[in-house]
């Protein structure tokens, strides 16, 4: 069974949305930065 052009335009993907991925990535990066700063404090010059 082949899809027609009209059916192809109505197909919805199941992937993660970019906005959600960016928010989750930002939160993970922030948490890693806080943990790294707590475990390895660097003095200001």
C-alpha atoms as a PDB file:
ATOM      1  CA  UNK A   1       0.000   0.000   0.000  1.00  0.00           C
ATOM      2  CA  UNK A   2       1.423   3.350  -1.026  1.00  0.00           C
ATOM      3  CA  UNK A   3       0.504   6.687   0.497  1.00  0.00           C
ATOM      4  CA  UNK A   4      -0.819   9.427  -1.729  1.00  0.00           C
ATOM      5  CA  UNK A   5       0.499  13.014  -1.540  1.00  0.00           C
ATOM      6  CA  UNK A   6      -2.490  14.161   0.527  1.00  0.00           C
ATOM      7  CA  UNK A   7      -1.903  11.376   3.037  1.00  0.00           C
ATOM      8  CA  UNK A   8       1.809  12.125   3.273  1.00  0.00           C
ATOM      9  CA  UNK A   9       1.132  15.712   4.335  1.00  0.00           C
ATOM     10  CA  UNK A  10      -1.073  14.450   7.190  1.00  0.00           C
ATOM     11  CA  UNK A  11       1.530  12.097   8.680  1.00  0.00           C
ATOM     12  CA  UNK A  12       2.559  13.215  12.188  1.00  0.00           C
ATOM     13  CA  UNK A  13       5.961  12.163  13.469  1.00  0.00           C
ATOM     14  CA  UNK A  14       6.597  10.772  16.915  1.00  0.00           C
ATOM     15  CA  UNK A  15       9.916  12.468  17.604  1.00  0.00           C
ATOM     16  CA  UNK A  16      10.718  14.770  20.493  1.00  0.00           C
ATOM     17  CA  UNK A  17      10.162  18.448  19.838  1.00  0.00           C
ATOM     18  CA  UNK A  18      13.195  20.721  19.633  1.00  0.00           C
ATOM     19  CA  UNK A  19      11.946  23.068  22.358  1.00  0.00           C
ATOM     20  CA  UNK A  20      11.591  20.273  24.888  1.00  0.00           C
ATOM     21  CA  UNK A  21      15.027  18.915  23.970  1.00  0.00           C
ATOM     22  CA  UNK A  22      16.576  22.381  24.385  1.00  0.00           C
ATOM     23  CA  UNK A  23      14.979  22.874  27.813  1.00  0.00           C
ATOM     24  CA  UNK A  24      16.050  19.441  29.056  1.00  0.00           C
ATOM     25  CA  UNK A  25      19.566  19.986  27.692  1.00  0.00           C
ATOM     26  CA  UNK A  26      19.777  23.368  29.405  1.00  0.00           C
ATOM     27  CA  UNK A  27      18.666  21.939  32.742  1.00  0.00           C
ATOM     28  CA  UNK A  28      21.158  19.077  32.495  1.00  0.00           C
ATOM     29  CA  UNK A  29      23.967  21.502  31.605  1.00  0.00           C
ATOM     30  CA  UNK A  30      23.065  23.765  34.542  1.00  0.00           C
ATOM     31  CA  UNK A  31      22.989  20.873  37.030  1.00  0.00           C
ATOM     32  CA  UNK A  32      26.333  19.550  35.784  1.00  0.00           C
ATOM     33  CA  UNK A  33      27.818  23.055  36.137  1.00  0.00           C
ATOM     34  CA  UNK A  34      26.548  23.403  39.711  1.00  0.00           C
ATOM     35  CA  UNK A  35      27.900  19.976  40.691  1.00  0.00           C
ATOM     36  CA  UNK A  36      31.251  20.698  39.010  1.00  0.00           C
ATOM     37  CA  UNK A  37      31.515  24.080  40.752  1.00  0.00           C
ATOM     38  CA  UNK A  38      30.723  22.532  44.109  1.00  0.00           C
ATOM     39  CA  UNK A  39      33.177  19.643  43.780  1.00  0.00           C
ATOM     40  CA  UNK A  40      35.967  21.581  42.029  1.00  0.00           C
ATOM     41  CA  UNK A  41      35.827  25.227  43.138  1.00  0.00           C
ATOM     42  CA  UNK A  42      38.217  27.437  41.187  1.00  0.00           C
ATOM     43  CA  UNK A  43      39.419  30.695  42.715  1.00  0.00           C
ATOM     44  CA  UNK A  44      38.892  33.986  40.892  1.00  0.00           C
ATOM     45  CA  UNK A  45      42.035  35.707  39.663  1.00  0.00           C
END
